[in-house]
N, C-alpha and C. Protein backbone atom coordinates (compact mmCIF):
# COMPACT_ATOMS: atom_id res chain seq x y z
N MET A 1 -0.57 0.68 -20.55
CA MET A 1 -1.50 0.93 -19.22
C MET A 1 -0.38 1.42 -18.09
N LYS A 2 -0.78 2.50 -17.53
CA LYS A 2 -0.01 3.10 -16.56
C LYS A 2 0.05 2.22 -15.20
N PHE A 3 1.08 2.56 -14.41
CA PHE A 3 1.33 1.83 -13.15
C PHE A 3 0.09 2.07 -12.17
N SER A 4 -0.27 3.26 -12.21
CA SER A 4 -1.57 3.66 -11.18
C SER A 4 -2.63 3.15 -11.60
N GLU A 5 -2.93 2.89 -12.98
CA GLU A 5 -4.06 2.22 -13.38
C GLU A 5 -4.05 0.87 -12.99
N ILE A 6 -2.77 0.11 -13.01
CA ILE A 6 -2.87 -1.24 -12.65
C ILE A 6 -3.05 -1.46 -11.25
N GLN A 7 -2.63 -0.53 -10.31
CA GLN A 7 -2.79 -0.44 -8.83
C GLN A 7 -4.44 -0.28 -8.72
N GLU A 8 -5.00 0.51 -9.44
CA GLU A 8 -6.37 0.71 -9.27
C GLU A 8 -7.24 -0.50 -9.50
N LEU A 9 -6.78 -1.15 -10.64
CA LEU A 9 -7.25 -2.39 -11.06
C LEU A 9 -7.27 -3.54 -9.99
N ILE A 10 -6.00 -3.66 -9.33
CA ILE A 10 -5.82 -4.54 -8.26
C ILE A 10 -6.56 -4.43 -7.07
N LYS A 11 -6.73 -2.98 -6.69
CA LYS A 11 -7.62 -2.61 -5.67
C LYS A 11 -9.06 -2.99 -5.98
N PHE A 12 -9.42 -2.78 -7.07
CA PHE A 12 -10.79 -3.16 -7.48
C PHE A 12 -11.14 -4.72 -7.44
N VAL A 13 -10.15 -5.44 -8.06
CA VAL A 13 -10.32 -6.87 -7.95
C VAL A 13 -10.30 -7.44 -6.64
N SER A 14 -9.43 -6.90 -5.71
CA SER A 14 -9.33 -7.45 -4.31
C SER A 14 -10.53 -7.19 -3.65
N LYS A 15 -11.20 -6.05 -3.90
CA LYS A 15 -12.67 -5.79 -3.22
C LYS A 15 -13.72 -6.46 -3.74
N SER A 16 -13.82 -6.74 -5.07
CA SER A 16 -14.85 -7.55 -5.77
C SER A 16 -15.15 -8.89 -5.47
N GLY A 17 -14.14 -9.54 -4.92
CA GLY A 17 -14.23 -11.01 -4.70
C GLY A 17 -14.10 -11.88 -5.57
N VAL A 18 -13.74 -11.48 -6.78
CA VAL A 18 -13.71 -12.44 -7.95
C VAL A 18 -12.18 -13.04 -7.86
N SER A 19 -12.15 -14.44 -8.39
CA SER A 19 -10.95 -15.05 -8.17
C SER A 19 -9.98 -14.91 -9.35
N GLU A 20 -10.35 -14.45 -10.50
CA GLU A 20 -9.41 -14.20 -11.52
C GLU A 20 -9.88 -13.30 -12.62
N VAL A 21 -8.98 -12.48 -13.08
CA VAL A 21 -9.44 -11.31 -14.11
C VAL A 21 -8.30 -11.36 -15.15
N GLU A 22 -8.66 -11.39 -16.37
CA GLU A 22 -7.57 -11.30 -17.36
C GLU A 22 -8.03 -10.13 -18.38
N ILE A 23 -7.18 -9.32 -18.69
CA ILE A 23 -7.30 -8.26 -19.48
C ILE A 23 -6.29 -8.33 -20.68
N GLU A 24 -6.81 -8.23 -22.01
CA GLU A 24 -5.70 -8.32 -22.97
C GLU A 24 -6.08 -7.21 -24.14
N ASP A 25 -5.09 -6.38 -24.30
CA ASP A 25 -5.20 -5.43 -25.34
C ASP A 25 -4.03 -5.51 -26.31
N LYS A 26 -3.94 -4.89 -27.43
CA LYS A 26 -3.19 -5.03 -28.57
C LYS A 26 -1.61 -4.78 -27.83
N ASP A 27 -1.38 -4.05 -26.93
CA ASP A 27 -0.03 -3.87 -26.31
C ASP A 27 0.27 -4.62 -25.06
N PHE A 28 -0.53 -5.19 -24.31
CA PHE A 28 -0.27 -5.65 -23.17
C PHE A 28 -1.33 -6.97 -22.71
N LYS A 29 -1.01 -7.75 -21.72
CA LYS A 29 -2.01 -8.51 -21.19
C LYS A 29 -1.79 -8.70 -19.75
N ILE A 30 -2.79 -8.46 -18.82
CA ILE A 30 -2.63 -8.39 -17.48
C ILE A 30 -3.49 -9.64 -17.01
N ASN A 31 -2.94 -10.41 -16.00
CA ASN A 31 -3.70 -11.50 -15.30
C ASN A 31 -3.60 -11.40 -14.01
N ILE A 32 -4.74 -11.17 -13.21
CA ILE A 32 -4.75 -11.02 -11.91
C ILE A 32 -5.57 -12.28 -11.12
N LYS A 33 -4.84 -12.93 -10.32
CA LYS A 33 -5.36 -14.26 -9.52
C LYS A 33 -5.44 -13.86 -8.11
N THR A 34 -6.63 -14.08 -7.40
CA THR A 34 -6.64 -13.99 -6.15
C THR A 34 -6.68 -15.50 -5.31
N PRO A 35 -6.15 -15.69 -4.26
CA PRO A 35 -6.13 -16.89 -3.67
C PRO A 35 -7.61 -17.41 -3.36
N PRO A 36 -7.81 -18.82 -3.53
CA PRO A 36 -9.12 -19.24 -3.02
C PRO A 36 -9.36 -19.27 -1.67
N TYR A 37 -10.50 -19.21 -1.17
CA TYR A 37 -10.93 -19.20 0.21
C TYR A 37 -11.00 -20.73 0.61
N ARG A 38 -10.62 -21.07 1.92
CA ARG A 38 -10.73 -22.32 2.34
C ARG A 38 -11.34 -22.29 4.00
N LYS A 39 -12.45 -22.84 4.15
CA LYS A 39 -12.85 -22.91 5.58
C LYS A 39 -12.97 -21.51 6.21
N GLY A 40 -13.41 -20.48 5.39
CA GLY A 40 -13.56 -19.13 6.04
C GLY A 40 -12.16 -18.25 6.02
N LYS A 41 -11.08 -19.02 5.74
CA LYS A 41 -9.68 -18.35 5.91
C LYS A 41 -9.11 -18.25 4.59
N MET A 42 -8.30 -17.34 4.27
CA MET A 42 -7.56 -17.12 3.01
C MET A 42 -6.41 -18.37 2.90
N ASN A 43 -6.14 -18.72 1.84
CA ASN A 43 -4.97 -19.42 1.64
C ASN A 43 -3.86 -18.66 1.91
N GLU A 44 -2.63 -19.47 2.32
CA GLU A 44 -1.35 -18.66 2.32
C GLU A 44 -0.82 -18.03 1.21
N SER A 45 -1.23 -18.41 0.03
CA SER A 45 -0.62 -17.76 -1.16
C SER A 45 -1.25 -16.30 -1.17
N GLN A 46 -0.49 -15.24 -1.95
CA GLN A 46 -1.06 -13.87 -2.05
C GLN A 46 -1.62 -13.75 -3.58
N GLN A 47 -2.21 -12.55 -3.66
CA GLN A 47 -2.63 -12.33 -4.91
C GLN A 47 -1.55 -12.06 -5.66
N VAL A 48 -1.46 -12.47 -6.99
CA VAL A 48 -0.65 -12.58 -8.04
C VAL A 48 -0.97 -11.70 -9.26
N VAL A 49 -0.14 -10.69 -9.65
CA VAL A 49 -0.48 -10.00 -10.93
C VAL A 49 0.67 -10.26 -12.01
N SER A 50 0.32 -10.47 -13.32
CA SER A 50 1.27 -10.78 -14.18
C SER A 50 0.95 -9.68 -15.28
N VAL A 51 2.08 -8.90 -15.67
CA VAL A 51 1.89 -8.21 -16.80
C VAL A 51 2.81 -8.45 -17.98
N ILE A 52 2.25 -9.00 -19.16
CA ILE A 52 3.01 -9.31 -20.20
C ILE A 52 2.81 -8.47 -21.25
N PRO A 53 3.93 -7.70 -21.86
CA PRO A 53 3.77 -6.99 -23.06
C PRO A 53 3.54 -7.85 -24.33
N GLN A 54 2.59 -7.51 -24.98
CA GLN A 54 2.20 -8.26 -26.32
C GLN A 54 3.48 -7.89 -27.27
N GLY A 55 3.47 -9.17 -28.01
CA GLY A 55 4.42 -8.94 -29.27
C GLY A 55 5.83 -9.38 -28.72
N GLN A 56 5.98 -9.81 -27.47
CA GLN A 56 7.30 -10.52 -27.00
C GLN A 56 7.05 -11.87 -26.99
N GLN A 57 8.04 -12.50 -27.45
CA GLN A 57 8.19 -13.95 -27.32
C GLN A 57 8.54 -14.49 -25.92
N ILE A 58 7.67 -15.33 -25.46
CA ILE A 58 8.00 -15.85 -24.02
C ILE A 58 8.52 -17.38 -24.26
N MET A 59 9.74 -17.58 -23.95
CA MET A 59 10.33 -18.95 -24.26
C MET A 59 11.02 -19.47 -22.84
N GLY A 60 10.16 -20.24 -22.32
CA GLY A 60 10.58 -20.90 -20.99
C GLY A 60 10.48 -19.98 -19.95
N ALA A 61 10.88 -20.69 -18.80
CA ALA A 61 10.57 -19.63 -17.37
C ALA A 61 11.64 -18.51 -17.39
N GLN A 62 12.77 -18.57 -17.98
CA GLN A 62 13.59 -17.54 -17.70
C GLN A 62 13.02 -16.23 -18.45
N ALA A 63 12.29 -16.20 -19.39
CA ALA A 63 11.72 -15.09 -20.22
C ALA A 63 10.38 -14.67 -19.65
N MET A 64 9.95 -15.38 -18.68
CA MET A 64 8.70 -14.99 -18.05
C MET A 64 8.91 -13.68 -17.19
N PRO A 65 7.98 -12.79 -17.20
CA PRO A 65 7.89 -11.61 -16.44
C PRO A 65 7.94 -11.91 -14.92
N ALA A 66 8.63 -11.24 -14.15
CA ALA A 66 8.37 -11.43 -12.64
C ALA A 66 6.76 -11.10 -12.33
N GLN A 67 6.33 -12.04 -11.32
CA GLN A 67 5.13 -11.72 -10.75
C GLN A 67 5.03 -10.92 -9.60
N ILE A 68 4.27 -10.01 -9.56
CA ILE A 68 4.21 -9.09 -8.49
C ILE A 68 3.21 -9.40 -7.39
N PRO A 69 3.62 -9.85 -6.07
CA PRO A 69 2.59 -10.12 -5.23
C PRO A 69 2.09 -8.86 -4.55
N ALA A 70 0.72 -8.78 -4.69
CA ALA A 70 0.04 -7.74 -4.17
C ALA A 70 -0.04 -7.77 -2.62
N ALA A 71 -0.38 -6.73 -1.93
CA ALA A 71 -0.65 -6.88 -0.51
C ALA A 71 -1.85 -7.71 -0.24
N ALA A 72 -1.78 -8.72 0.67
CA ALA A 72 -3.14 -9.35 1.07
C ALA A 72 -3.99 -8.59 1.87
N PRO A 73 -5.31 -8.78 1.63
CA PRO A 73 -6.24 -7.99 2.41
C PRO A 73 -5.94 -8.04 3.91
N ALA A 74 -6.07 -6.85 4.66
CA ALA A 74 -5.95 -6.95 6.07
C ALA A 74 -6.82 -7.68 6.98
N ALA A 75 -6.31 -8.25 8.06
CA ALA A 75 -7.07 -9.16 8.72
C ALA A 75 -8.00 -8.48 9.49
N PRO A 76 -9.26 -8.69 9.73
CA PRO A 76 -10.08 -7.86 10.46
C PRO A 76 -9.63 -7.53 12.17
N ALA A 77 -9.67 -6.38 12.51
CA ALA A 77 -9.26 -5.93 13.90
C ALA A 77 -10.08 -6.56 14.90
N ALA A 78 -9.53 -6.73 16.07
CA ALA A 78 -10.24 -7.30 17.10
C ALA A 78 -11.23 -6.25 17.63
N ALA A 79 -12.36 -6.69 18.15
CA ALA A 79 -13.52 -5.84 18.57
C ALA A 79 -13.04 -5.14 19.87
N ALA A 80 -13.41 -3.71 19.64
CA ALA A 80 -12.97 -2.86 20.92
C ALA A 80 -14.22 -2.17 21.44
N PRO A 81 -14.32 -1.73 22.61
CA PRO A 81 -15.57 -1.22 23.22
C PRO A 81 -15.97 0.02 22.15
N VAL A 82 -17.35 0.11 22.24
CA VAL A 82 -17.92 1.14 21.12
C VAL A 82 -17.46 2.46 21.67
N ALA A 83 -17.54 2.77 22.84
CA ALA A 83 -17.27 4.03 23.49
C ALA A 83 -15.92 4.49 23.27
N ALA A 84 -14.94 3.71 23.26
CA ALA A 84 -13.72 3.94 22.92
C ALA A 84 -13.34 4.36 21.47
N LYS A 85 -14.17 3.57 20.35
CA LYS A 85 -13.84 3.84 19.26
C LYS A 85 -14.40 5.33 18.77
N VAL A 86 -15.71 5.70 19.48
CA VAL A 86 -16.30 6.89 19.26
C VAL A 86 -15.53 7.99 19.71
N GLU A 87 -14.81 7.77 20.90
CA GLU A 87 -13.96 8.87 21.28
C GLU A 87 -12.74 9.12 20.26
N GLU A 88 -12.20 8.00 20.00
CA GLU A 88 -11.01 7.95 19.15
C GLU A 88 -11.27 8.58 17.79
N LYS A 89 -12.48 8.32 17.15
CA LYS A 89 -13.07 8.89 15.89
C LYS A 89 -13.01 10.40 16.11
N ASN A 90 -13.67 10.90 17.02
CA ASN A 90 -13.94 12.34 17.37
C ASN A 90 -12.60 12.91 17.42
N GLU A 91 -11.55 12.29 18.13
CA GLU A 91 -10.23 13.10 18.26
C GLU A 91 -9.46 12.96 16.87
N GLU A 92 -9.56 11.89 16.05
CA GLU A 92 -8.78 11.75 15.02
C GLU A 92 -9.32 12.64 13.81
N ALA A 93 -10.77 13.09 14.04
CA ALA A 93 -11.44 14.03 12.85
C ALA A 93 -10.72 15.19 12.98
N ASN A 94 -9.76 15.67 13.83
CA ASN A 94 -9.23 17.01 13.84
C ASN A 94 -7.85 16.73 12.98
N TYR A 95 -7.41 15.68 12.62
CA TYR A 95 -6.14 15.39 12.03
C TYR A 95 -6.27 15.17 10.76
N VAL A 96 -5.10 15.57 9.90
CA VAL A 96 -4.99 15.17 8.49
C VAL A 96 -4.17 14.02 8.29
N ALA A 97 -4.78 13.11 7.49
CA ALA A 97 -4.02 11.82 7.20
C ALA A 97 -3.03 11.95 5.89
N ILE A 98 -1.70 11.35 6.00
CA ILE A 98 -0.92 11.24 4.90
C ILE A 98 -1.07 9.89 4.50
N LYS A 99 -1.49 9.58 3.11
CA LYS A 99 -1.92 8.22 2.65
C LYS A 99 -0.87 7.87 1.76
N SER A 100 -0.80 6.61 1.77
CA SER A 100 0.28 5.90 0.56
C SER A 100 -0.33 6.11 -0.78
N PRO A 101 0.51 6.80 -1.70
CA PRO A 101 0.04 6.93 -3.13
C PRO A 101 0.21 5.68 -3.95
N MET A 102 0.77 4.47 -3.30
CA MET A 102 1.14 3.32 -4.07
C MET A 102 0.94 2.08 -3.16
N ILE A 103 1.00 0.97 -3.88
CA ILE A 103 1.33 -0.40 -3.09
C ILE A 103 2.85 -0.68 -2.99
N GLY A 104 3.31 -0.96 -1.95
CA GLY A 104 4.65 -1.28 -1.71
C GLY A 104 4.97 -1.55 -0.27
N THR A 105 6.41 -1.30 -0.07
CA THR A 105 6.98 -1.76 1.44
C THR A 105 7.18 -0.33 2.01
N PHE A 106 6.73 -0.02 3.19
CA PHE A 106 6.95 0.99 3.88
C PHE A 106 8.13 1.15 4.73
N TYR A 107 9.05 2.08 4.47
CA TYR A 107 10.29 2.24 5.36
C TYR A 107 10.24 3.77 6.07
N ARG A 108 10.46 3.72 7.33
CA ARG A 108 10.63 5.00 8.11
C ARG A 108 11.99 5.64 8.06
N LYS A 109 13.11 4.84 7.61
CA LYS A 109 14.41 5.39 7.58
C LYS A 109 14.92 5.41 6.04
N PRO A 110 15.89 6.30 5.53
CA PRO A 110 16.49 6.37 4.41
C PRO A 110 17.15 5.11 4.17
N SER A 111 17.96 4.48 5.29
CA SER A 111 18.76 3.23 5.14
C SER A 111 18.56 2.73 6.70
N PRO A 112 19.08 1.35 6.66
CA PRO A 112 19.13 0.61 7.97
C PRO A 112 19.89 1.41 8.99
N ASP A 113 20.95 2.09 8.71
CA ASP A 113 22.04 2.52 9.62
C ASP A 113 21.54 4.01 9.79
N LYS A 114 20.55 4.66 9.22
CA LYS A 114 20.23 6.11 9.56
C LYS A 114 18.94 6.10 10.34
N SER A 115 18.80 7.39 11.02
CA SER A 115 17.62 7.51 11.91
C SER A 115 16.18 7.77 11.05
N GLU A 116 15.33 7.70 11.67
CA GLU A 116 13.97 7.83 10.95
C GLU A 116 13.58 9.26 10.45
N PHE A 117 12.83 9.18 9.37
CA PHE A 117 12.65 10.41 8.69
C PHE A 117 11.81 11.31 9.78
N VAL A 118 10.75 10.82 10.33
CA VAL A 118 9.86 11.77 11.54
C VAL A 118 9.61 10.60 12.57
N LYS A 119 9.33 11.33 13.70
CA LYS A 119 8.88 10.66 14.85
C LYS A 119 7.57 11.22 15.32
N VAL A 120 6.81 10.63 16.25
CA VAL A 120 5.57 11.04 16.86
C VAL A 120 6.13 12.42 17.84
N GLY A 121 5.51 13.66 17.63
CA GLY A 121 5.80 14.68 18.16
C GLY A 121 6.55 15.73 17.33
N ASP A 122 7.16 15.26 16.08
CA ASP A 122 8.06 16.02 15.27
C ASP A 122 7.03 17.05 14.54
N ASN A 123 7.73 18.27 14.32
CA ASN A 123 6.83 19.24 13.47
C ASN A 123 7.48 19.06 12.13
N ILE A 124 6.49 19.10 11.11
CA ILE A 124 6.98 18.81 9.72
C ILE A 124 6.36 19.93 8.86
N SER A 125 6.87 20.36 7.80
CA SER A 125 6.58 21.34 6.92
C SER A 125 6.22 20.68 5.52
N VAL A 126 5.36 21.37 4.72
CA VAL A 126 5.03 21.04 3.26
C VAL A 126 6.25 20.73 2.53
N GLY A 127 6.42 19.47 2.11
CA GLY A 127 7.60 19.14 1.30
C GLY A 127 8.55 18.29 2.08
N ASP A 128 8.50 18.04 3.50
CA ASP A 128 9.48 17.50 4.00
C ASP A 128 9.09 15.86 3.68
N THR A 129 10.26 15.11 3.59
CA THR A 129 10.10 13.67 3.54
C THR A 129 9.74 13.00 4.98
N VAL A 130 8.53 12.16 4.79
CA VAL A 130 8.14 11.53 5.89
C VAL A 130 8.48 10.03 5.98
N CYS A 131 8.64 9.58 4.70
CA CYS A 131 8.84 8.07 4.72
C CYS A 131 9.23 7.74 3.25
N VAL A 132 9.66 6.32 3.04
CA VAL A 132 10.01 5.93 1.77
C VAL A 132 9.13 4.64 1.42
N ILE A 133 8.53 4.68 0.22
CA ILE A 133 7.84 3.35 -0.13
C ILE A 133 8.41 2.70 -1.51
N GLU A 134 8.89 1.31 -1.05
CA GLU A 134 9.59 0.64 -2.27
C GLU A 134 8.54 0.05 -3.07
N ALA A 135 8.55 0.25 -4.36
CA ALA A 135 7.62 -0.47 -5.25
C ALA A 135 8.28 -0.94 -6.33
N MET A 136 8.36 -2.17 -6.87
CA MET A 136 9.05 -2.65 -7.86
C MET A 136 10.42 -2.13 -8.08
N LYS A 137 11.02 -2.41 -6.95
CA LYS A 137 12.77 -2.15 -6.82
C LYS A 137 12.88 -0.38 -6.93
N LEU A 138 11.83 0.27 -6.89
CA LEU A 138 12.09 1.87 -6.84
C LEU A 138 11.80 2.33 -5.47
N PHE A 139 12.59 3.23 -4.98
CA PHE A 139 12.37 3.83 -3.46
C PHE A 139 11.82 5.34 -3.79
N ASN A 140 10.56 5.30 -3.53
CA ASN A 140 9.86 6.59 -3.66
C ASN A 140 9.63 7.36 -2.42
N GLU A 141 10.32 8.64 -2.31
CA GLU A 141 10.08 9.39 -1.21
C GLU A 141 8.71 9.94 -1.17
N ILE A 142 8.12 9.89 0.04
CA ILE A 142 6.77 10.48 0.41
C ILE A 142 6.94 11.73 1.00
N GLU A 143 6.42 12.87 0.57
CA GLU A 143 6.62 14.14 1.28
C GLU A 143 5.18 14.49 1.88
N ALA A 144 5.44 15.45 2.89
CA ALA A 144 4.18 15.88 3.47
C ALA A 144 3.55 16.88 2.39
N GLU A 145 2.18 16.75 2.48
CA GLU A 145 1.39 17.88 1.76
C GLU A 145 0.83 18.92 2.74
N VAL A 146 1.02 18.85 3.94
CA VAL A 146 0.55 19.83 5.11
C VAL A 146 1.62 19.86 6.26
N SER A 147 1.53 21.06 6.71
CA SER A 147 2.38 21.37 7.84
C SER A 147 1.70 21.02 9.22
N GLY A 148 2.48 20.63 10.02
CA GLY A 148 1.87 20.24 11.55
C GLY A 148 2.79 19.35 12.30
N LYS A 149 2.13 18.70 13.34
CA LYS A 149 2.77 17.84 14.11
C LYS A 149 2.43 16.36 13.94
N ILE A 150 3.42 15.42 13.87
CA ILE A 150 3.08 14.14 13.86
C ILE A 150 2.45 13.61 14.95
N VAL A 151 1.34 13.15 14.85
CA VAL A 151 0.52 12.60 16.21
C VAL A 151 0.61 11.14 16.19
N LYS A 152 0.48 10.36 15.13
CA LYS A 152 0.42 8.96 14.91
C LYS A 152 1.19 8.54 13.80
N VAL A 153 1.94 7.34 14.02
CA VAL A 153 2.38 6.68 12.95
C VAL A 153 1.65 5.18 12.91
N LEU A 154 0.90 5.09 11.83
CA LEU A 154 -0.02 3.98 11.85
C LEU A 154 0.46 2.58 11.16
N VAL A 155 1.77 2.59 10.63
CA VAL A 155 2.44 1.54 10.00
C VAL A 155 3.68 1.33 10.58
N ASP A 156 4.06 -0.10 10.76
CA ASP A 156 5.40 -0.49 11.16
C ASP A 156 6.43 -0.53 10.13
N ASP A 157 7.66 -0.19 10.43
CA ASP A 157 8.73 -0.19 9.60
C ASP A 157 8.75 -1.40 8.68
N THR A 158 9.12 -1.54 7.42
CA THR A 158 9.25 -2.66 6.68
C THR A 158 8.03 -3.27 6.40
N SER A 159 6.82 -2.76 6.75
CA SER A 159 5.41 -3.55 6.45
C SER A 159 5.06 -3.15 5.05
N PRO A 160 4.03 -4.17 4.57
CA PRO A 160 3.57 -3.87 3.09
C PRO A 160 2.33 -2.94 3.51
N VAL A 161 2.30 -1.93 2.44
CA VAL A 161 1.08 -0.99 2.44
C VAL A 161 0.31 -0.99 1.18
N GLU A 162 -0.90 -0.82 1.12
CA GLU A 162 -1.88 -0.65 0.15
C GLU A 162 -1.92 0.76 -0.38
N TYR A 163 -2.51 0.98 -1.64
CA TYR A 163 -2.77 2.26 -2.27
C TYR A 163 -3.83 2.78 -1.28
N ASP A 164 -3.69 4.15 -0.97
CA ASP A 164 -4.59 4.92 -0.10
C ASP A 164 -4.73 4.55 1.35
N GLN A 165 -3.72 3.73 1.88
CA GLN A 165 -3.62 3.23 3.27
C GLN A 165 -2.97 4.44 4.07
N VAL A 166 -3.88 4.91 5.13
CA VAL A 166 -3.27 5.88 5.96
C VAL A 166 -1.91 5.59 6.67
N LEU A 167 -0.89 6.57 6.50
CA LEU A 167 0.32 6.14 7.03
C LEU A 167 0.70 6.96 8.41
N PHE A 168 0.15 8.10 8.37
CA PHE A 168 0.55 9.11 9.39
C PHE A 168 -0.69 9.99 9.64
N LEU A 169 -0.77 10.38 10.80
CA LEU A 169 -1.83 11.42 11.23
C LEU A 169 -1.17 12.67 11.59
N ILE A 170 -1.57 13.82 11.09
CA ILE A 170 -0.91 14.97 11.23
C ILE A 170 -1.81 16.18 12.11
N ASP A 171 -1.45 16.76 13.18
CA ASP A 171 -2.33 17.76 13.64
C ASP A 171 -1.82 19.18 12.97
N PRO A 172 -2.65 19.55 12.19
CA PRO A 172 -2.18 20.96 11.49
C PRO A 172 -2.12 21.91 12.28
N ALA A 173 -2.88 22.08 13.44
CA ALA A 173 -2.87 23.11 14.57
C ALA A 173 -1.48 23.01 15.24
N GLY A 174 -0.82 21.87 15.34
CA GLY A 174 0.44 21.55 16.20
C GLY A 174 1.74 22.29 15.61
């Protein structure tokens, strides 16, 4: 099973509301557990995904594969006046979104001592690196697929991001 298929499965399970899913094939076994709900609030534990290749002997805790915490569902946003939301939606309709291609940790800088890849107001071209997303100890450079001006950065540095989450808004006319 490919990593992208596992990401899609995690996304599906988190939206469906089921508490546990286990899939077993001849080559692998996947177990996805979501935290139980308590008094209308989520438990403090996060969703846990275990991928165990079949055919491997699992001997004690040392041989267990690392469990991958998935991003917890986002908390509902505070209510805003309807007029402001409509105005903001109309304004954002002219922008192109750069979305996260994976689940991971969002970084605006290549390293802590370097400057940010892009800032609001910067002009970018197709292929420019706009951020890095760390997933499973791999740092993946995310490149712009459109030229334009950075209008909004929607994610804080070192924040967890989900698959298909909007990271940046680009004004292609800028």
